[in-house]
Amino acid sequence: ELGAGLACNVTTENMTEALARFHGESERFGARNVETNAFIDCAGAPAALTEAFGIAPYRARIAIVALYKKPVPLDLWRMMANEIMMSGSIALDRAAEFGEALAMIAASGLNLAPLISHEYDFEDFHAALATAADADRSAKVMLTFTQEAA
């Protein structure tokens, strides 16, 4: 619905197989690679990140913007052998970039409603917070304000 060419739920479909089918595959140093040149980890699923490092091709880029609460083991030999570039980012002190992102979303006209898993009135703030804290149950939890600002 949001324009992606491929969406893969790694709990129900093998990511490697899905990416190989969509982008193609190759081999380097006797190991299978998919021909996906950029990976963006927004999910924070350790198994998916580990798999991405294992299948990323020569000079692929992996950007990690998800928040991880525990260390994740990575195959650094594969990272070195395929010269994978990894970067991370956190949305702290990024007011200008956040504003740019909001402007891009507004200008695109995309309907982002499919990203919202739950919506609560501000009066149910604590219930919304409890729902948002349960990553197995929620994705994006929104608060709505029914009263005008004072």
N, C-alpha and C. Protein backbone atom coordinates (compact mmCIF):
# COMPACT_ATOMS: atom_id res chain seq x y z
N GLU A 1 0.81 -1.21 0.00
CA GLU A 1 0.00 0.00 0.00
C GLU A 1 0.85 1.26 0.00
N LEU A 2 2.08 1.16 0.50
CA LEU A 2 2.91 2.34 0.64
C LEU A 2 3.96 2.47 -0.46
N GLY A 3 3.88 1.62 -1.47
CA GLY A 3 4.74 1.77 -2.63
C GLY A 3 5.97 0.88 -2.67
N ALA A 4 6.17 0.04 -1.69
CA ALA A 4 7.33 -0.86 -1.71
C ALA A 4 7.14 -1.93 -2.78
N GLY A 5 8.21 -2.29 -3.44
CA GLY A 5 8.15 -3.36 -4.43
C GLY A 5 8.06 -4.73 -3.79
N LEU A 6 8.59 -4.84 -2.58
CA LEU A 6 8.58 -6.12 -1.87
C LEU A 6 8.42 -5.85 -0.39
N ALA A 7 7.55 -6.58 0.25
CA ALA A 7 7.41 -6.57 1.70
C ALA A 7 7.55 -8.01 2.17
N CYS A 8 8.38 -8.22 3.17
CA CYS A 8 8.64 -9.58 3.64
C CYS A 8 8.50 -9.63 5.15
N ASN A 9 7.57 -10.41 5.63
CA ASN A 9 7.42 -10.66 7.05
C ASN A 9 8.30 -11.86 7.37
N VAL A 10 9.42 -11.61 8.06
CA VAL A 10 10.40 -12.68 8.28
C VAL A 10 9.90 -13.77 9.22
N THR A 11 8.75 -13.55 9.86
CA THR A 11 8.19 -14.61 10.70
C THR A 11 7.40 -15.61 9.87
N THR A 12 7.03 -15.24 8.64
CA THR A 12 6.24 -16.14 7.80
C THR A 12 6.91 -16.47 6.47
N GLU A 13 7.96 -15.72 6.11
CA GLU A 13 8.63 -15.94 4.83
C GLU A 13 10.14 -15.77 5.01
N ASN A 14 10.91 -16.58 4.35
CA ASN A 14 12.36 -16.50 4.43
C ASN A 14 12.84 -15.26 3.68
N MET A 15 13.54 -14.38 4.38
CA MET A 15 13.99 -13.12 3.79
C MET A 15 14.95 -13.36 2.63
N THR A 16 15.88 -14.28 2.80
CA THR A 16 16.84 -14.55 1.73
C THR A 16 16.13 -14.98 0.45
N GLU A 17 15.19 -15.90 0.58
CA GLU A 17 14.46 -16.38 -0.60
C GLU A 17 13.66 -15.26 -1.25
N ALA A 18 13.01 -14.44 -0.44
CA ALA A 18 12.21 -13.34 -0.98
C ALA A 18 13.08 -12.33 -1.72
N LEU A 19 14.21 -11.95 -1.13
CA LEU A 19 15.10 -10.98 -1.77
C LEU A 19 15.76 -11.56 -3.02
N ALA A 20 16.14 -12.83 -2.98
CA ALA A 20 16.74 -13.47 -4.16
C ALA A 20 15.74 -13.51 -5.31
N ARG A 21 14.50 -13.79 -5.00
CA ARG A 21 13.45 -13.82 -6.02
C ARG A 21 13.23 -12.41 -6.60
N PHE A 22 13.28 -11.40 -5.75
CA PHE A 22 12.98 -10.02 -6.19
C PHE A 22 14.16 -9.34 -6.88
N HIS A 23 15.39 -9.49 -6.31
CA HIS A 23 16.56 -8.80 -6.85
C HIS A 23 17.56 -9.70 -7.56
N GLY A 24 17.42 -10.99 -7.40
CA GLY A 24 18.40 -11.92 -7.96
C GLY A 24 19.43 -12.29 -6.92
N GLU A 25 20.33 -13.21 -7.30
CA GLU A 25 21.34 -13.66 -6.35
C GLU A 25 22.65 -13.94 -7.06
N SER A 26 23.71 -14.04 -6.27
CA SER A 26 25.04 -14.33 -6.79
C SER A 26 25.81 -15.09 -5.71
N GLU A 27 27.10 -15.27 -5.95
CA GLU A 27 27.95 -15.97 -4.99
C GLU A 27 29.27 -15.24 -4.90
N ARG A 28 29.83 -15.20 -3.70
CA ARG A 28 31.15 -14.61 -3.49
C ARG A 28 31.83 -15.41 -2.39
N PHE A 29 33.04 -15.83 -2.63
CA PHE A 29 33.80 -16.65 -1.68
C PHE A 29 33.01 -17.89 -1.27
N GLY A 30 32.27 -18.45 -2.21
CA GLY A 30 31.53 -19.67 -1.96
C GLY A 30 30.26 -19.49 -1.15
N ALA A 31 29.89 -18.26 -0.88
CA ALA A 31 28.68 -18.00 -0.09
C ALA A 31 27.62 -17.31 -0.95
N ARG A 32 26.38 -17.63 -0.70
CA ARG A 32 25.25 -17.06 -1.43
C ARG A 32 25.01 -15.62 -0.99
N ASN A 33 24.80 -14.75 -1.98
CA ASN A 33 24.42 -13.36 -1.74
C ASN A 33 23.15 -13.06 -2.51
N VAL A 34 22.37 -12.12 -2.00
CA VAL A 34 21.28 -11.58 -2.79
C VAL A 34 21.80 -10.29 -3.41
N GLU A 35 21.20 -9.85 -4.48
CA GLU A 35 21.66 -8.64 -5.17
C GLU A 35 20.92 -7.40 -4.67
N THR A 36 20.71 -7.32 -3.38
CA THR A 36 20.11 -6.17 -2.72
C THR A 36 21.25 -5.30 -2.24
N ASN A 37 21.35 -4.08 -2.73
CA ASN A 37 22.50 -3.24 -2.44
C ASN A 37 22.37 -2.39 -1.19
N ALA A 38 21.15 -2.20 -0.71
CA ALA A 38 20.95 -1.38 0.49
C ALA A 38 19.90 -2.04 1.38
N PHE A 39 20.23 -2.13 2.65
CA PHE A 39 19.33 -2.67 3.66
C PHE A 39 19.12 -1.57 4.70
N ILE A 40 17.88 -1.36 5.09
CA ILE A 40 17.58 -0.39 6.15
C ILE A 40 16.83 -1.14 7.24
N ASP A 41 17.45 -1.25 8.39
CA ASP A 41 16.85 -1.97 9.51
C ASP A 41 16.06 -0.99 10.37
N CYS A 42 14.76 -1.04 10.22
CA CYS A 42 13.86 -0.21 11.04
C CYS A 42 13.10 -1.06 12.04
N ALA A 43 13.25 -2.37 11.97
CA ALA A 43 12.44 -3.28 12.77
C ALA A 43 13.06 -3.63 14.11
N GLY A 44 14.36 -3.72 14.16
CA GLY A 44 15.01 -4.12 15.41
C GLY A 44 14.87 -5.60 15.69
N ALA A 45 14.81 -6.40 14.64
CA ALA A 45 14.71 -7.86 14.78
C ALA A 45 16.11 -8.46 14.59
N PRO A 46 16.75 -8.92 15.67
CA PRO A 46 18.12 -9.42 15.57
C PRO A 46 18.33 -10.48 14.48
N ALA A 47 17.39 -11.40 14.34
CA ALA A 47 17.55 -12.46 13.33
C ALA A 47 17.58 -11.88 11.93
N ALA A 48 16.77 -10.88 11.65
CA ALA A 48 16.74 -10.27 10.31
C ALA A 48 18.04 -9.52 10.04
N LEU A 49 18.57 -8.80 11.03
CA LEU A 49 19.83 -8.07 10.84
C LEU A 49 20.98 -9.05 10.62
N THR A 50 21.04 -10.11 11.41
CA THR A 50 22.07 -11.12 11.24
C THR A 50 21.99 -11.75 9.86
N GLU A 51 20.78 -12.03 9.41
CA GLU A 51 20.59 -12.62 8.08
C GLU A 51 21.03 -11.65 6.99
N ALA A 52 20.71 -10.36 7.15
CA ALA A 52 21.10 -9.36 6.16
C ALA A 52 22.62 -9.32 6.00
N PHE A 53 23.36 -9.36 7.11
CA PHE A 53 24.82 -9.38 7.03
C PHE A 53 25.31 -10.64 6.33
N GLY A 54 24.61 -11.73 6.50
CA GLY A 54 25.03 -12.98 5.89
C GLY A 54 24.77 -13.07 4.40
N ILE A 55 23.86 -12.26 3.87
CA ILE A 55 23.49 -12.36 2.45
C ILE A 55 23.80 -11.11 1.65
N ALA A 56 24.27 -10.05 2.32
CA ALA A 56 24.55 -8.79 1.62
C ALA A 56 25.69 -8.98 0.62
N PRO A 57 25.55 -8.43 -0.58
CA PRO A 57 26.59 -8.60 -1.60
C PRO A 57 27.76 -7.63 -1.41
N TYR A 58 28.73 -7.76 -2.27
CA TYR A 58 29.92 -6.91 -2.27
C TYR A 58 29.52 -5.44 -2.28
N ARG A 59 30.06 -4.71 -1.32
CA ARG A 59 29.88 -3.27 -1.16
C ARG A 59 28.43 -2.84 -0.91
N ALA A 60 27.65 -3.71 -0.33
CA ALA A 60 26.29 -3.34 0.08
C ALA A 60 26.36 -2.37 1.25
N ARG A 61 25.26 -1.68 1.49
CA ARG A 61 25.17 -0.76 2.62
C ARG A 61 24.05 -1.22 3.55
N ILE A 62 24.32 -1.19 4.84
CA ILE A 62 23.33 -1.55 5.84
C ILE A 62 23.20 -0.37 6.81
N ALA A 63 22.02 0.22 6.87
CA ALA A 63 21.74 1.33 7.79
C ALA A 63 20.84 0.81 8.90
N ILE A 64 21.24 1.08 10.12
CA ILE A 64 20.48 0.61 11.28
C ILE A 64 19.88 1.82 11.98
N VAL A 65 18.56 1.91 11.93
CA VAL A 65 17.86 3.00 12.62
C VAL A 65 16.93 2.45 13.71
N ALA A 66 16.83 1.14 13.79
CA ALA A 66 16.03 0.50 14.83
C ALA A 66 16.78 0.59 16.16
N LEU A 67 16.03 0.52 17.23
CA LEU A 67 16.65 0.51 18.56
C LEU A 67 16.77 -0.92 19.05
N TYR A 68 17.96 -1.29 19.42
CA TYR A 68 18.22 -2.62 19.96
C TYR A 68 18.48 -2.50 21.46
N LYS A 69 17.86 -3.38 22.21
CA LYS A 69 18.01 -3.35 23.67
C LYS A 69 19.14 -4.27 24.14
N LYS A 70 19.58 -5.19 23.27
CA LYS A 70 20.64 -6.13 23.61
C LYS A 70 21.62 -6.21 22.45
N PRO A 71 22.88 -6.61 22.73
CA PRO A 71 23.86 -6.78 21.64
C PRO A 71 23.40 -7.84 20.65
N VAL A 72 23.81 -7.67 19.39
CA VAL A 72 23.47 -8.61 18.32
C VAL A 72 24.77 -9.14 17.72
N PRO A 73 24.96 -10.46 17.68
CA PRO A 73 26.17 -11.01 17.05
C PRO A 73 26.11 -10.84 15.53
N LEU A 74 27.21 -10.39 14.95
CA LEU A 74 27.28 -10.19 13.50
C LEU A 74 28.48 -10.92 12.94
N ASP A 75 28.37 -11.38 11.71
CA ASP A 75 29.45 -12.08 11.02
C ASP A 75 30.41 -11.03 10.45
N LEU A 76 31.40 -10.65 11.22
CA LEU A 76 32.32 -9.60 10.78
C LEU A 76 33.23 -10.05 9.65
N TRP A 77 33.48 -11.35 9.51
CA TRP A 77 34.24 -11.82 8.36
C TRP A 77 33.49 -11.49 7.08
N ARG A 78 32.18 -11.76 7.07
CA ARG A 78 31.38 -11.44 5.87
C ARG A 78 31.37 -9.93 5.63
N MET A 79 31.31 -9.17 6.70
CA MET A 79 31.32 -7.71 6.55
C MET A 79 32.62 -7.26 5.90
N MET A 80 33.75 -7.80 6.35
CA MET A 80 35.04 -7.44 5.80
C MET A 80 35.21 -7.98 4.38
N ALA A 81 34.89 -9.25 4.17
CA ALA A 81 35.10 -9.88 2.86
C ALA A 81 34.27 -9.22 1.77
N ASN A 82 33.06 -8.79 2.11
CA ASN A 82 32.20 -8.15 1.11
C ASN A 82 32.25 -6.62 1.19
N GLU A 83 33.15 -6.11 2.04
CA GLU A 83 33.31 -4.66 2.19
C GLU A 83 31.97 -3.97 2.41
N ILE A 84 31.17 -4.54 3.31
CA ILE A 84 29.86 -3.99 3.63
C ILE A 84 30.04 -2.73 4.46
N MET A 85 29.30 -1.70 4.10
CA MET A 85 29.33 -0.45 4.86
C MET A 85 28.13 -0.42 5.79
N MET A 86 28.39 -0.23 7.07
CA MET A 86 27.32 -0.20 8.06
C MET A 86 27.29 1.18 8.71
N SER A 87 26.08 1.69 8.90
CA SER A 87 25.94 2.97 9.61
C SER A 87 24.74 2.88 10.53
N GLY A 88 24.78 3.68 11.56
CA GLY A 88 23.67 3.72 12.49
C GLY A 88 23.23 5.15 12.70
N SER A 89 22.02 5.31 13.20
CA SER A 89 21.50 6.65 13.45
C SER A 89 20.44 6.58 14.53
N ILE A 90 20.35 7.62 15.29
CA ILE A 90 19.30 7.73 16.31
C ILE A 90 18.70 9.13 16.17
N ALA A 91 17.44 9.24 16.43
CA ALA A 91 16.71 10.49 16.18
C ALA A 91 16.83 11.47 17.35
N LEU A 92 18.01 11.59 17.91
CA LEU A 92 18.24 12.52 19.01
C LEU A 92 18.89 13.77 18.44
N ASP A 93 18.42 14.92 18.84
CA ASP A 93 18.97 16.20 18.37
C ASP A 93 18.91 16.33 16.85
N ARG A 94 17.81 15.89 16.25
CA ARG A 94 17.67 15.94 14.79
C ARG A 94 16.41 16.72 14.40
N ALA A 95 16.15 17.82 15.07
CA ALA A 95 14.92 18.58 14.82
C ALA A 95 14.80 19.00 13.36
N ALA A 96 15.89 19.46 12.76
CA ALA A 96 15.83 19.91 11.36
C ALA A 96 15.50 18.75 10.43
N GLU A 97 16.15 17.59 10.64
CA GLU A 97 15.89 16.43 9.79
C GLU A 97 14.47 15.91 9.99
N PHE A 98 13.99 15.95 11.23
CA PHE A 98 12.62 15.52 11.51
C PHE A 98 11.64 16.42 10.77
N GLY A 99 11.89 17.71 10.79
CA GLY A 99 11.04 18.66 10.05
C GLY A 99 11.07 18.40 8.56
N GLU A 100 12.25 18.11 8.01
CA GLU A 100 12.37 17.80 6.58
C GLU A 100 11.57 16.55 6.23
N ALA A 101 11.67 15.53 7.10
CA ALA A 101 10.94 14.28 6.86
C ALA A 101 9.44 14.53 6.87
N LEU A 102 8.96 15.32 7.82
CA LEU A 102 7.52 15.64 7.87
C LEU A 102 7.09 16.40 6.62
N ALA A 103 7.92 17.33 6.17
CA ALA A 103 7.59 18.08 4.95
C ALA A 103 7.54 17.16 3.73
N MET A 104 8.46 16.20 3.65
CA MET A 104 8.47 15.25 2.53
C MET A 104 7.21 14.38 2.56
N ILE A 105 6.84 13.94 3.75
CA ILE A 105 5.63 13.12 3.88
C ILE A 105 4.41 13.92 3.46
N ALA A 106 4.31 15.17 3.93
CA ALA A 106 3.17 16.01 3.58
C ALA A 106 3.11 16.27 2.07
N ALA A 107 4.27 16.50 1.45
CA ALA A 107 4.31 16.80 0.02
C ALA A 107 4.01 15.59 -0.84
N SER A 108 4.29 14.40 -0.32
CA SER A 108 4.12 13.19 -1.12
C SER A 108 2.66 12.81 -1.33
N GLY A 109 1.81 13.19 -0.40
CA GLY A 109 0.41 12.81 -0.50
C GLY A 109 0.16 11.35 -0.17
N LEU A 110 1.17 10.65 0.34
CA LEU A 110 1.00 9.24 0.69
C LEU A 110 0.04 9.09 1.87
N ASN A 111 -0.76 8.05 1.82
CA ASN A 111 -1.62 7.70 2.94
C ASN A 111 -0.81 6.78 3.84
N LEU A 112 -0.37 7.28 4.98
CA LEU A 112 0.45 6.49 5.89
C LEU A 112 -0.36 5.76 6.95
N ALA A 113 -1.67 5.80 6.83
CA ALA A 113 -2.54 5.14 7.80
C ALA A 113 -2.21 3.65 7.99
N PRO A 114 -1.79 2.92 6.94
CA PRO A 114 -1.47 1.51 7.16
C PRO A 114 -0.32 1.27 8.15
N LEU A 115 0.47 2.29 8.43
CA LEU A 115 1.56 2.14 9.39
C LEU A 115 1.06 2.17 10.84
N ILE A 116 -0.11 2.72 11.06
CA ILE A 116 -0.63 2.92 12.42
C ILE A 116 -1.34 1.65 12.87
N SER A 117 -0.85 1.10 13.99
CA SER A 117 -1.46 -0.13 14.52
C SER A 117 -2.56 0.17 15.53
N HIS A 118 -2.43 1.27 16.26
CA HIS A 118 -3.41 1.61 17.29
C HIS A 118 -3.58 3.13 17.35
N GLU A 119 -4.78 3.55 17.72
CA GLU A 119 -5.05 4.98 17.89
C GLU A 119 -5.84 5.16 19.18
N TYR A 120 -5.38 6.08 20.02
CA TYR A 120 -6.01 6.35 21.31
C TYR A 120 -6.29 7.83 21.45
N ASP A 121 -7.36 8.17 22.15
CA ASP A 121 -7.61 9.54 22.53
C ASP A 121 -6.60 9.91 23.61
N PHE A 122 -6.22 11.16 23.67
CA PHE A 122 -5.22 11.59 24.64
C PHE A 122 -5.61 11.24 26.07
N GLU A 123 -6.90 11.20 26.34
CA GLU A 123 -7.38 10.83 27.69
C GLU A 123 -6.96 9.40 28.06
N ASP A 124 -6.66 8.56 27.07
CA ASP A 124 -6.23 7.18 27.31
C ASP A 124 -4.72 7.03 27.16
N PHE A 125 -4.02 8.10 27.54
CA PHE A 125 -2.57 8.16 27.37
C PHE A 125 -1.86 6.94 27.96
N HIS A 126 -2.21 6.55 29.17
CA HIS A 126 -1.51 5.44 29.83
C HIS A 126 -1.75 4.11 29.11
N ALA A 127 -2.96 3.90 28.61
CA ALA A 127 -3.24 2.69 27.84
C ALA A 127 -2.43 2.70 26.54
N ALA A 128 -2.33 3.87 25.91
CA ALA A 128 -1.54 3.99 24.68
C ALA A 128 -0.08 3.68 24.95
N LEU A 129 0.43 4.19 26.06
CA LEU A 129 1.82 3.95 26.41
C LEU A 129 2.06 2.46 26.68
N ALA A 130 1.14 1.81 27.37
CA ALA A 130 1.27 0.38 27.63
C ALA A 130 1.24 -0.42 26.33
N THR A 131 0.38 -0.03 25.39
CA THR A 131 0.30 -0.71 24.10
C THR A 131 1.60 -0.52 23.32
N ALA A 132 2.11 0.71 23.30
CA ALA A 132 3.35 1.01 22.56
C ALA A 132 4.54 0.26 23.15
N ALA A 133 4.51 -0.01 24.45
CA ALA A 133 5.61 -0.72 25.09
C ALA A 133 5.66 -2.20 24.72
N ASP A 134 4.58 -2.72 24.17
CA ASP A 134 4.49 -4.13 23.80
C ASP A 134 4.73 -4.27 22.30
N ALA A 135 6.01 -4.45 21.91
CA ALA A 135 6.37 -4.50 20.49
C ALA A 135 5.75 -5.68 19.76
N ASP A 136 5.38 -6.72 20.47
CA ASP A 136 4.73 -7.87 19.82
C ASP A 136 3.28 -7.56 19.46
N ARG A 137 2.73 -6.52 20.06
CA ARG A 137 1.32 -6.19 19.86
C ARG A 137 1.09 -4.92 19.06
N SER A 138 2.12 -4.10 18.93
CA SER A 138 1.90 -2.80 18.30
C SER A 138 3.05 -2.44 17.36
N ALA A 139 2.78 -1.45 16.50
CA ALA A 139 3.82 -0.91 15.62
C ALA A 139 3.93 0.58 15.88
N LYS A 140 2.98 1.34 15.40
CA LYS A 140 2.94 2.79 15.63
C LYS A 140 1.64 3.11 16.36
N VAL A 141 1.76 3.66 17.55
CA VAL A 141 0.61 4.01 18.37
C VAL A 141 0.45 5.52 18.32
N MET A 142 -0.73 5.97 17.93
CA MET A 142 -1.00 7.40 17.78
C MET A 142 -1.94 7.89 18.86
N LEU A 143 -1.70 9.12 19.31
CA LEU A 143 -2.61 9.80 20.22
C LEU A 143 -3.38 10.86 19.43
N THR A 144 -4.66 10.95 19.68
CA THR A 144 -5.46 11.99 19.04
C THR A 144 -5.94 12.97 20.10
N PHE A 145 -6.11 14.19 19.70
CA PHE A 145 -6.55 15.26 20.61
C PHE A 145 -7.90 15.75 20.11
N THR A 146 -8.91 15.60 20.95
CA THR A 146 -10.27 15.98 20.54
C THR A 146 -10.62 17.39 20.95
N GLN A 147 -9.89 17.96 21.88
CA GLN A 147 -10.18 19.32 22.35
C GLN A 147 -9.21 20.29 21.71
N GLU A 148 -9.68 21.52 21.54
CA GLU A 148 -8.82 22.58 21.03
C GLU A 148 -7.80 22.95 22.11
N ALA A 149 -6.63 23.37 21.70
CA ALA A 149 -5.61 23.81 22.64
C ALA A 149 -6.07 25.07 23.36
N ALA A 150 -5.67 25.20 24.60
CA ALA A 150 -6.06 26.36 25.41
C ALA A 150 -5.30 27.59 25.02
